[in-house]
Amino acid sequence: MSTVIKPVLQPRPMTEADLPAVMAIETRAYPVPWTLGIMRDCLRIGYHCWVYEQGSALIGYAILSTSMDVGEAHILNLCVRPESQGAGMGRQMLEHMLDVVRHSGCHLILLEARPSNPVAVQLYRSIGFEQIGRRKRYYPTPTGREDALVFALDISSLY
């Protein structure tokens, strides 16, 4: 019997110096990527911006906003570089973001997913996210717009 050792990602706060590598992943992963300006704004505004490394390689990143006055957090972007997808790294990143939310004092976490991304939808459901709505024509695509599935998770249900 052989044991499969899953690679462990090391999270750290994103810095301005990470943006070229983050943008390289963003432009390969999405048909209509965020702009460098959006990424810079997320850092400037003070969103929870994280990068995930394996050794010296940047594997992915996540961006989270929190609203303490309503106790909600919103995962705005969670992305694994295309060549590393399917190895459980997205789950590790999501679990880390859930810890960030829990430590922020928020109790509810929201996110959107493309219906055309069944792997992400299944990941969110496997963690306990429930679909609470649909945003029509939310995501831009090269040929138009795609709806977004809206998911929510009560963090207190996990701990």
N, C-alpha and C. Protein backbone atom coordinates (compact mmCIF):
# COMPACT_ATOMS: atom_id res chain seq x y z
N MET A 1 0.84 -1.17 0.00
CA MET A 1 0.00 0.00 0.00
C MET A 1 0.89 1.24 0.00
N SER A 2 0.61 2.16 -0.90
CA SER A 2 1.40 3.39 -0.95
C SER A 2 0.59 4.54 -0.39
N THR A 3 1.28 5.45 0.20
CA THR A 3 0.65 6.63 0.77
C THR A 3 0.86 7.81 -0.17
N VAL A 4 -0.21 8.50 -0.47
CA VAL A 4 -0.11 9.69 -1.30
C VAL A 4 0.04 10.89 -0.38
N ILE A 5 1.12 11.62 -0.56
CA ILE A 5 1.36 12.81 0.24
C ILE A 5 0.90 14.01 -0.56
N LYS A 6 -0.06 14.73 0.01
CA LYS A 6 -0.55 15.92 -0.67
C LYS A 6 0.42 17.07 -0.43
N PRO A 7 0.69 17.83 -1.49
CA PRO A 7 1.55 18.99 -1.29
C PRO A 7 0.87 20.01 -0.38
N VAL A 8 1.65 20.60 0.51
CA VAL A 8 1.12 21.58 1.44
C VAL A 8 1.49 22.97 0.93
N LEU A 9 0.49 23.81 0.87
CA LEU A 9 0.71 25.18 0.43
C LEU A 9 1.00 26.07 1.62
N GLN A 10 1.85 27.04 1.41
CA GLN A 10 2.19 28.01 2.44
C GLN A 10 1.51 29.34 2.08
N PRO A 11 0.54 29.77 2.88
CA PRO A 11 -0.09 31.06 2.61
C PRO A 11 0.72 32.20 3.21
N ARG A 12 0.66 33.34 2.54
CA ARG A 12 1.22 34.57 3.10
C ARG A 12 0.47 35.74 2.47
N PRO A 13 0.45 36.88 3.16
CA PRO A 13 -0.22 38.05 2.60
C PRO A 13 0.39 38.46 1.26
N MET A 14 -0.46 38.82 0.34
CA MET A 14 -0.03 39.29 -0.98
C MET A 14 0.58 40.69 -0.83
N THR A 15 1.61 40.94 -1.63
CA THR A 15 2.22 42.27 -1.68
C THR A 15 2.19 42.77 -3.12
N GLU A 16 2.49 44.02 -3.27
CA GLU A 16 2.58 44.63 -4.61
C GLU A 16 3.58 43.85 -5.48
N ALA A 17 4.66 43.36 -4.87
CA ALA A 17 5.69 42.62 -5.62
C ALA A 17 5.16 41.31 -6.19
N ASP A 18 4.06 40.78 -5.63
CA ASP A 18 3.47 39.53 -6.12
C ASP A 18 2.60 39.74 -7.36
N LEU A 19 2.22 40.98 -7.64
CA LEU A 19 1.22 41.22 -8.68
C LEU A 19 1.61 40.72 -10.08
N PRO A 20 2.86 40.81 -10.52
CA PRO A 20 3.16 40.23 -11.84
C PRO A 20 2.88 38.73 -11.91
N ALA A 21 3.25 37.98 -10.87
CA ALA A 21 3.00 36.54 -10.86
C ALA A 21 1.50 36.25 -10.71
N VAL A 22 0.81 37.03 -9.90
CA VAL A 22 -0.64 36.87 -9.74
C VAL A 22 -1.33 37.13 -11.08
N MET A 23 -0.94 38.19 -11.75
CA MET A 23 -1.56 38.52 -13.04
C MET A 23 -1.25 37.46 -14.11
N ALA A 24 -0.08 36.85 -14.04
CA ALA A 24 0.25 35.78 -14.99
C ALA A 24 -0.71 34.61 -14.80
N ILE A 25 -1.04 34.28 -13.56
CA ILE A 25 -2.01 33.21 -13.29
C ILE A 25 -3.40 33.66 -13.71
N GLU A 26 -3.79 34.86 -13.32
CA GLU A 26 -5.13 35.39 -13.63
C GLU A 26 -5.41 35.36 -15.12
N THR A 27 -4.46 35.78 -15.93
CA THR A 27 -4.70 35.85 -17.38
C THR A 27 -4.73 34.48 -18.03
N ARG A 28 -4.09 33.49 -17.42
CA ARG A 28 -4.15 32.12 -17.95
C ARG A 28 -5.40 31.38 -17.48
N ALA A 29 -5.93 31.77 -16.32
CA ALA A 29 -7.02 31.02 -15.71
C ALA A 29 -8.41 31.49 -16.15
N TYR A 30 -8.54 32.74 -16.53
CA TYR A 30 -9.87 33.29 -16.82
C TYR A 30 -9.95 33.83 -18.24
N PRO A 31 -11.08 33.61 -18.91
CA PRO A 31 -11.23 34.14 -20.27
C PRO A 31 -11.32 35.67 -20.28
N VAL A 32 -11.84 36.26 -19.22
CA VAL A 32 -11.87 37.72 -19.06
C VAL A 32 -11.30 38.01 -17.67
N PRO A 33 -9.98 38.19 -17.59
CA PRO A 33 -9.34 38.34 -16.28
C PRO A 33 -9.56 39.71 -15.66
N TRP A 34 -9.35 39.75 -14.35
CA TRP A 34 -9.29 41.04 -13.66
C TRP A 34 -8.11 41.82 -14.21
N THR A 35 -8.16 43.12 -14.09
CA THR A 35 -7.04 43.96 -14.52
C THR A 35 -6.04 44.14 -13.38
N LEU A 36 -4.86 44.57 -13.75
CA LEU A 36 -3.85 44.89 -12.74
C LEU A 36 -4.37 45.98 -11.81
N GLY A 37 -5.11 46.93 -12.35
CA GLY A 37 -5.68 47.99 -11.53
C GLY A 37 -6.63 47.47 -10.47
N ILE A 38 -7.45 46.49 -10.82
CA ILE A 38 -8.36 45.89 -9.84
C ILE A 38 -7.56 45.21 -8.74
N MET A 39 -6.53 44.47 -9.12
CA MET A 39 -5.70 43.79 -8.12
C MET A 39 -5.03 44.81 -7.18
N ARG A 40 -4.49 45.87 -7.77
CA ARG A 40 -3.86 46.91 -6.95
C ARG A 40 -4.87 47.55 -6.00
N ASP A 41 -6.07 47.80 -6.50
CA ASP A 41 -7.11 48.39 -5.66
C ASP A 41 -7.45 47.48 -4.48
N CYS A 42 -7.50 46.18 -4.72
CA CYS A 42 -7.80 45.23 -3.63
C CYS A 42 -6.75 45.33 -2.53
N LEU A 43 -5.49 45.46 -2.90
CA LEU A 43 -4.43 45.64 -1.91
C LEU A 43 -4.56 47.00 -1.21
N ARG A 44 -4.78 48.04 -1.99
CA ARG A 44 -4.86 49.40 -1.45
C ARG A 44 -6.03 49.56 -0.48
N ILE A 45 -7.17 48.97 -0.82
CA ILE A 45 -8.37 49.09 0.01
C ILE A 45 -8.22 48.33 1.33
N GLY A 46 -7.35 47.34 1.32
CA GLY A 46 -7.14 46.57 2.54
C GLY A 46 -7.91 45.27 2.60
N TYR A 47 -8.33 44.77 1.44
CA TYR A 47 -8.95 43.45 1.42
C TYR A 47 -7.93 42.42 1.91
N HIS A 48 -8.41 41.28 2.33
CA HIS A 48 -7.54 40.18 2.73
C HIS A 48 -7.05 39.52 1.44
N CYS A 49 -5.84 39.81 1.05
CA CYS A 49 -5.25 39.29 -0.19
C CYS A 49 -4.13 38.33 0.18
N TRP A 50 -4.24 37.11 -0.29
CA TRP A 50 -3.28 36.06 0.06
C TRP A 50 -2.72 35.42 -1.19
N VAL A 51 -1.46 35.00 -1.09
CA VAL A 51 -0.87 34.14 -2.11
C VAL A 51 -0.50 32.81 -1.44
N TYR A 52 -0.43 31.78 -2.26
CA TYR A 52 -0.16 30.43 -1.77
C TYR A 52 1.01 29.88 -2.56
N GLU A 53 2.03 29.47 -1.81
CA GLU A 53 3.25 28.99 -2.44
C GLU A 53 3.52 27.54 -2.08
N GLN A 54 4.19 26.89 -3.00
CA GLN A 54 4.74 25.56 -2.76
C GLN A 54 6.21 25.69 -3.12
N GLY A 55 7.05 25.67 -2.11
CA GLY A 55 8.45 25.98 -2.35
C GLY A 55 8.54 27.44 -2.78
N SER A 56 9.20 27.68 -3.89
CA SER A 56 9.30 29.06 -4.39
C SER A 56 8.28 29.36 -5.48
N ALA A 57 7.39 28.39 -5.77
CA ALA A 57 6.41 28.58 -6.84
C ALA A 57 5.10 29.14 -6.29
N LEU A 58 4.61 30.18 -6.94
CA LEU A 58 3.30 30.73 -6.60
C LEU A 58 2.25 29.85 -7.27
N ILE A 59 1.40 29.21 -6.46
CA ILE A 59 0.40 28.26 -6.95
C ILE A 59 -0.95 28.93 -7.16
N GLY A 60 -1.28 29.91 -6.32
CA GLY A 60 -2.58 30.56 -6.45
C GLY A 60 -2.69 31.74 -5.51
N TYR A 61 -3.89 32.31 -5.50
CA TYR A 61 -4.15 33.49 -4.68
C TYR A 61 -5.63 33.55 -4.36
N ALA A 62 -5.95 34.33 -3.34
CA ALA A 62 -7.34 34.53 -2.95
C ALA A 62 -7.51 35.95 -2.44
N ILE A 63 -8.69 36.51 -2.69
CA ILE A 63 -9.02 37.87 -2.26
C ILE A 63 -10.37 37.83 -1.57
N LEU A 64 -10.41 38.41 -0.37
CA LEU A 64 -11.58 38.34 0.49
C LEU A 64 -11.88 39.72 1.04
N SER A 65 -13.15 40.10 1.01
CA SER A 65 -13.56 41.32 1.70
C SER A 65 -14.38 40.93 2.92
N THR A 66 -14.29 41.74 3.96
CA THR A 66 -15.08 41.49 5.16
C THR A 66 -15.84 42.76 5.52
N SER A 67 -17.03 42.57 6.05
CA SER A 67 -17.86 43.68 6.52
C SER A 67 -18.28 43.36 7.94
N MET A 68 -17.55 43.93 8.89
CA MET A 68 -17.80 43.62 10.29
C MET A 68 -19.16 44.12 10.76
N ASP A 69 -19.64 45.22 10.18
CA ASP A 69 -20.92 45.76 10.64
C ASP A 69 -22.08 44.81 10.36
N VAL A 70 -21.95 43.96 9.36
CA VAL A 70 -23.01 42.96 9.09
C VAL A 70 -22.53 41.54 9.33
N GLY A 71 -21.25 41.37 9.68
CA GLY A 71 -20.72 40.04 9.98
C GLY A 71 -20.58 39.12 8.78
N GLU A 72 -20.37 39.73 7.61
CA GLU A 72 -20.26 38.93 6.39
C GLU A 72 -18.91 39.09 5.73
N ALA A 73 -18.48 38.03 5.09
CA ALA A 73 -17.27 38.04 4.28
C ALA A 73 -17.64 37.58 2.88
N HIS A 74 -16.86 38.00 1.91
CA HIS A 74 -17.15 37.67 0.52
C HIS A 74 -15.84 37.29 -0.17
N ILE A 75 -15.75 36.05 -0.61
CA ILE A 75 -14.59 35.64 -1.40
C ILE A 75 -14.80 36.19 -2.80
N LEU A 76 -13.92 37.12 -3.18
CA LEU A 76 -14.04 37.79 -4.47
C LEU A 76 -13.30 37.05 -5.58
N ASN A 77 -12.21 36.39 -5.21
CA ASN A 77 -11.42 35.67 -6.20
C ASN A 77 -10.62 34.60 -5.47
N LEU A 78 -10.66 33.39 -6.00
CA LEU A 78 -9.86 32.28 -5.49
C LEU A 78 -9.41 31.53 -6.72
N CYS A 79 -8.12 31.52 -6.97
CA CYS A 79 -7.63 30.98 -8.24
C CYS A 79 -6.36 30.15 -8.04
N VAL A 80 -6.37 28.97 -8.63
CA VAL A 80 -5.20 28.09 -8.67
C VAL A 80 -4.66 28.13 -10.10
N ARG A 81 -3.36 28.23 -10.24
CA ARG A 81 -2.79 28.27 -11.59
C ARG A 81 -3.25 27.03 -12.36
N PRO A 82 -3.54 27.17 -13.64
CA PRO A 82 -4.12 26.05 -14.41
C PRO A 82 -3.35 24.75 -14.33
N GLU A 83 -2.03 24.80 -14.35
CA GLU A 83 -1.24 23.56 -14.34
C GLU A 83 -1.25 22.86 -12.98
N SER A 84 -1.76 23.50 -11.95
CA SER A 84 -1.82 22.89 -10.62
C SER A 84 -3.25 22.53 -10.21
N GLN A 85 -4.21 22.79 -11.07
CA GLN A 85 -5.60 22.49 -10.73
C GLN A 85 -5.83 20.98 -10.68
N GLY A 86 -6.75 20.57 -9.83
CA GLY A 86 -7.12 19.16 -9.73
C GLY A 86 -6.30 18.37 -8.72
N ALA A 87 -5.45 19.05 -7.96
CA ALA A 87 -4.58 18.36 -7.00
C ALA A 87 -4.95 18.68 -5.55
N GLY A 88 -6.11 19.28 -5.32
CA GLY A 88 -6.55 19.58 -3.97
C GLY A 88 -6.06 20.90 -3.42
N MET A 89 -5.39 21.67 -4.24
CA MET A 89 -4.85 22.94 -3.75
C MET A 89 -5.94 23.98 -3.55
N GLY A 90 -6.95 23.98 -4.40
CA GLY A 90 -8.07 24.89 -4.23
C GLY A 90 -8.78 24.65 -2.90
N ARG A 91 -8.90 23.40 -2.50
CA ARG A 91 -9.51 23.07 -1.21
C ARG A 91 -8.66 23.63 -0.06
N GLN A 92 -7.34 23.46 -0.15
CA GLN A 92 -6.47 24.00 0.90
C GLN A 92 -6.60 25.52 0.99
N MET A 93 -6.64 26.17 -0.14
CA MET A 93 -6.78 27.62 -0.17
C MET A 93 -8.12 28.05 0.42
N LEU A 94 -9.19 27.36 0.04
CA LEU A 94 -10.51 27.68 0.56
C LEU A 94 -10.58 27.47 2.07
N GLU A 95 -10.00 26.38 2.54
CA GLU A 95 -10.00 26.12 3.99
C GLU A 95 -9.23 27.21 4.74
N HIS A 96 -8.14 27.66 4.15
CA HIS A 96 -7.40 28.78 4.78
C HIS A 96 -8.27 30.03 4.82
N MET A 97 -8.97 30.32 3.73
CA MET A 97 -9.83 31.51 3.71
C MET A 97 -10.95 31.38 4.75
N LEU A 98 -11.46 30.19 4.97
CA LEU A 98 -12.48 30.00 6.00
C LEU A 98 -11.91 30.32 7.38
N ASP A 99 -10.64 29.95 7.62
CA ASP A 99 -9.99 30.30 8.89
C ASP A 99 -9.82 31.82 9.02
N VAL A 100 -9.47 32.47 7.92
CA VAL A 100 -9.33 33.93 7.95
C VAL A 100 -10.67 34.56 8.32
N VAL A 101 -11.75 34.06 7.72
CA VAL A 101 -13.08 34.59 8.01
C VAL A 101 -13.43 34.35 9.47
N ARG A 102 -13.20 33.14 9.94
CA ARG A 102 -13.52 32.80 11.33
C ARG A 102 -12.79 33.74 12.29
N HIS A 103 -11.52 34.00 12.03
CA HIS A 103 -10.73 34.88 12.91
C HIS A 103 -11.10 36.35 12.74
N SER A 104 -11.77 36.70 11.68
CA SER A 104 -12.18 38.09 11.47
C SER A 104 -13.41 38.44 12.29
N GLY A 105 -14.10 37.42 12.78
CA GLY A 105 -15.32 37.66 13.54
C GLY A 105 -16.58 37.61 12.70
N CYS A 106 -16.44 37.42 11.40
CA CYS A 106 -17.61 37.29 10.54
C CYS A 106 -18.23 35.91 10.73
N HIS A 107 -19.51 35.80 10.48
CA HIS A 107 -20.19 34.52 10.66
C HIS A 107 -20.71 33.94 9.35
N LEU A 108 -20.81 34.76 8.32
CA LEU A 108 -21.35 34.30 7.04
C LEU A 108 -20.34 34.61 5.95
N ILE A 109 -20.14 33.64 5.05
CA ILE A 109 -19.25 33.85 3.93
C ILE A 109 -20.02 33.61 2.63
N LEU A 110 -19.83 34.51 1.69
CA LEU A 110 -20.49 34.44 0.40
C LEU A 110 -19.46 34.31 -0.71
N LEU A 111 -19.87 33.74 -1.82
CA LEU A 111 -19.03 33.68 -3.02
C LEU A 111 -19.91 33.40 -4.22
N GLU A 112 -19.37 33.68 -5.39
CA GLU A 112 -20.05 33.34 -6.64
C GLU A 112 -19.21 32.32 -7.39
N ALA A 113 -19.89 31.52 -8.21
CA ALA A 113 -19.21 30.54 -9.07
C ALA A 113 -19.92 30.49 -10.41
N ARG A 114 -19.15 30.22 -11.42
CA ARG A 114 -19.73 30.06 -12.76
C ARG A 114 -20.40 28.68 -12.86
N PRO A 115 -21.59 28.61 -13.40
CA PRO A 115 -22.20 27.30 -13.65
C PRO A 115 -21.35 26.44 -14.58
N SER A 116 -20.55 27.08 -15.43
CA SER A 116 -19.68 26.35 -16.36
C SER A 116 -18.42 25.82 -15.69
N ASN A 117 -18.29 26.00 -14.37
CA ASN A 117 -17.14 25.49 -13.62
C ASN A 117 -17.63 24.49 -12.57
N PRO A 118 -18.03 23.28 -13.01
CA PRO A 118 -18.58 22.30 -12.07
C PRO A 118 -17.60 21.83 -11.01
N VAL A 119 -16.30 21.90 -11.28
CA VAL A 119 -15.31 21.49 -10.28
C VAL A 119 -15.36 22.45 -9.09
N ALA A 120 -15.41 23.75 -9.35
CA ALA A 120 -15.50 24.73 -8.27
C ALA A 120 -16.83 24.59 -7.53
N VAL A 121 -17.91 24.43 -8.27
CA VAL A 121 -19.23 24.28 -7.64
C VAL A 121 -19.23 23.07 -6.70
N GLN A 122 -18.67 21.97 -7.14
CA GLN A 122 -18.62 20.77 -6.30
C GLN A 122 -17.74 20.98 -5.08
N LEU A 123 -16.62 21.68 -5.25
CA LEU A 123 -15.75 21.98 -4.10
C LEU A 123 -16.52 22.78 -3.06
N TYR A 124 -17.19 23.83 -3.48
CA TYR A 124 -17.92 24.67 -2.53
C TYR A 124 -19.01 23.87 -1.83
N ARG A 125 -19.73 23.06 -2.56
CA ARG A 125 -20.79 22.24 -1.95
C ARG A 125 -20.20 21.22 -0.98
N SER A 126 -19.05 20.65 -1.31
CA SER A 126 -18.45 19.64 -0.44
C SER A 126 -18.00 20.22 0.90
N ILE A 127 -17.70 21.52 0.93
CA ILE A 127 -17.31 22.20 2.16
C ILE A 127 -18.55 22.53 2.99
N GLY A 128 -19.70 22.66 2.34
CA GLY A 128 -20.94 22.99 3.04
C GLY A 128 -21.64 24.24 2.54
N PHE A 129 -21.09 24.89 1.53
CA PHE A 129 -21.77 26.04 0.94
C PHE A 129 -23.09 25.60 0.32
N GLU A 130 -24.09 26.45 0.45
CA GLU A 130 -25.39 26.19 -0.16
C GLU A 130 -25.70 27.30 -1.14
N GLN A 131 -26.27 26.91 -2.28
CA GLN A 131 -26.65 27.92 -3.27
C GLN A 131 -27.86 28.69 -2.74
N ILE A 132 -27.73 30.03 -2.73
CA ILE A 132 -28.82 30.87 -2.22
C ILE A 132 -29.40 31.77 -3.30
N GLY A 133 -28.81 31.74 -4.49
CA GLY A 133 -29.34 32.60 -5.54
C GLY A 133 -28.55 32.47 -6.83
N ARG A 134 -28.91 33.33 -7.75
CA ARG A 134 -28.29 33.35 -9.07
C ARG A 134 -28.24 34.81 -9.52
N ARG A 135 -27.08 35.27 -9.95
CA ARG A 135 -26.95 36.62 -10.48
C ARG A 135 -26.93 36.51 -12.00
N LYS A 136 -27.93 37.06 -12.63
CA LYS A 136 -28.02 37.01 -14.09
C LYS A 136 -26.93 37.84 -14.74
N ARG A 137 -26.29 37.25 -15.75
CA ARG A 137 -25.31 37.95 -16.59
C ARG A 137 -24.20 38.62 -15.76
N TYR A 138 -23.72 37.93 -14.76
CA TYR A 138 -22.74 38.48 -13.81
C TYR A 138 -21.32 38.50 -14.38
N TYR A 139 -20.91 37.39 -14.96
CA TYR A 139 -19.53 37.26 -15.44
C TYR A 139 -19.41 37.64 -16.92
N PRO A 140 -18.45 38.48 -17.25
CA PRO A 140 -18.20 38.72 -18.68
C PRO A 140 -17.50 37.51 -19.29
N THR A 141 -17.83 37.23 -20.53
CA THR A 141 -17.15 36.17 -21.29
C THR A 141 -16.72 36.77 -22.62
N PRO A 142 -15.89 36.08 -23.36
CA PRO A 142 -15.48 36.62 -24.66
C PRO A 142 -16.66 36.81 -25.63
N THR A 143 -17.76 36.09 -25.39
CA THR A 143 -18.90 36.17 -26.31
C THR A 143 -20.17 36.74 -25.68
N GLY A 144 -20.10 37.26 -24.48
CA GLY A 144 -21.29 37.79 -23.84
C GLY A 144 -21.16 37.81 -22.33
N ARG A 145 -22.17 37.29 -21.65
CA ARG A 145 -22.19 37.26 -20.18
C ARG A 145 -22.68 35.90 -19.72
N GLU A 146 -22.23 35.50 -18.52
CA GLU A 146 -22.64 34.24 -17.91
C GLU A 146 -23.20 34.52 -16.53
N ASP A 147 -24.24 33.79 -16.16
CA ASP A 147 -24.81 33.91 -14.82
C ASP A 147 -23.79 33.47 -13.78
N ALA A 148 -24.03 33.87 -12.54
CA ALA A 148 -23.24 33.41 -11.40
C ALA A 148 -24.17 32.71 -10.43
N LEU A 149 -23.71 31.59 -9.89
CA LEU A 149 -24.40 30.93 -8.79
C LEU A 149 -23.87 31.56 -7.51
N VAL A 150 -24.77 31.97 -6.63
CA VAL A 150 -24.37 32.61 -5.37
C VAL A 150 -24.47 31.57 -4.27
N PHE A 151 -23.37 31.42 -3.51
CA PHE A 151 -23.30 30.45 -2.43
C PHE A 151 -23.05 31.16 -1.10
N ALA A 152 -23.55 30.56 -0.03
CA ALA A 152 -23.33 31.08 1.32
C ALA A 152 -23.02 29.93 2.27
N LEU A 153 -22.24 30.26 3.30
CA LEU A 153 -21.89 29.30 4.33
C LEU A 153 -21.87 30.01 5.66
N ASP A 154 -22.59 29.45 6.64
CA ASP A 154 -22.54 29.94 8.02
C ASP A 154 -21.31 29.32 8.66
N ILE A 155 -20.30 30.13 8.92
CA ILE A 155 -19.03 29.64 9.45
C ILE A 155 -19.23 28.89 10.78
N SER A 156 -20.16 29.32 11.58
CA SER A 156 -20.36 28.68 12.89
C SER A 156 -20.78 27.22 12.74
N SER A 157 -21.29 26.85 11.57
CA SER A 157 -21.70 25.45 11.37
C SER A 157 -20.49 24.53 11.21
N LEU A 158 -19.30 25.10 10.97
CA LEU A 158 -18.09 24.30 10.77
C LEU A 158 -17.33 24.05 12.06
N TYR A 159 -17.56 24.83 13.11
CA TYR A 159 -16.72 24.75 14.30
C TYR A 159 -17.53 24.48 15.53
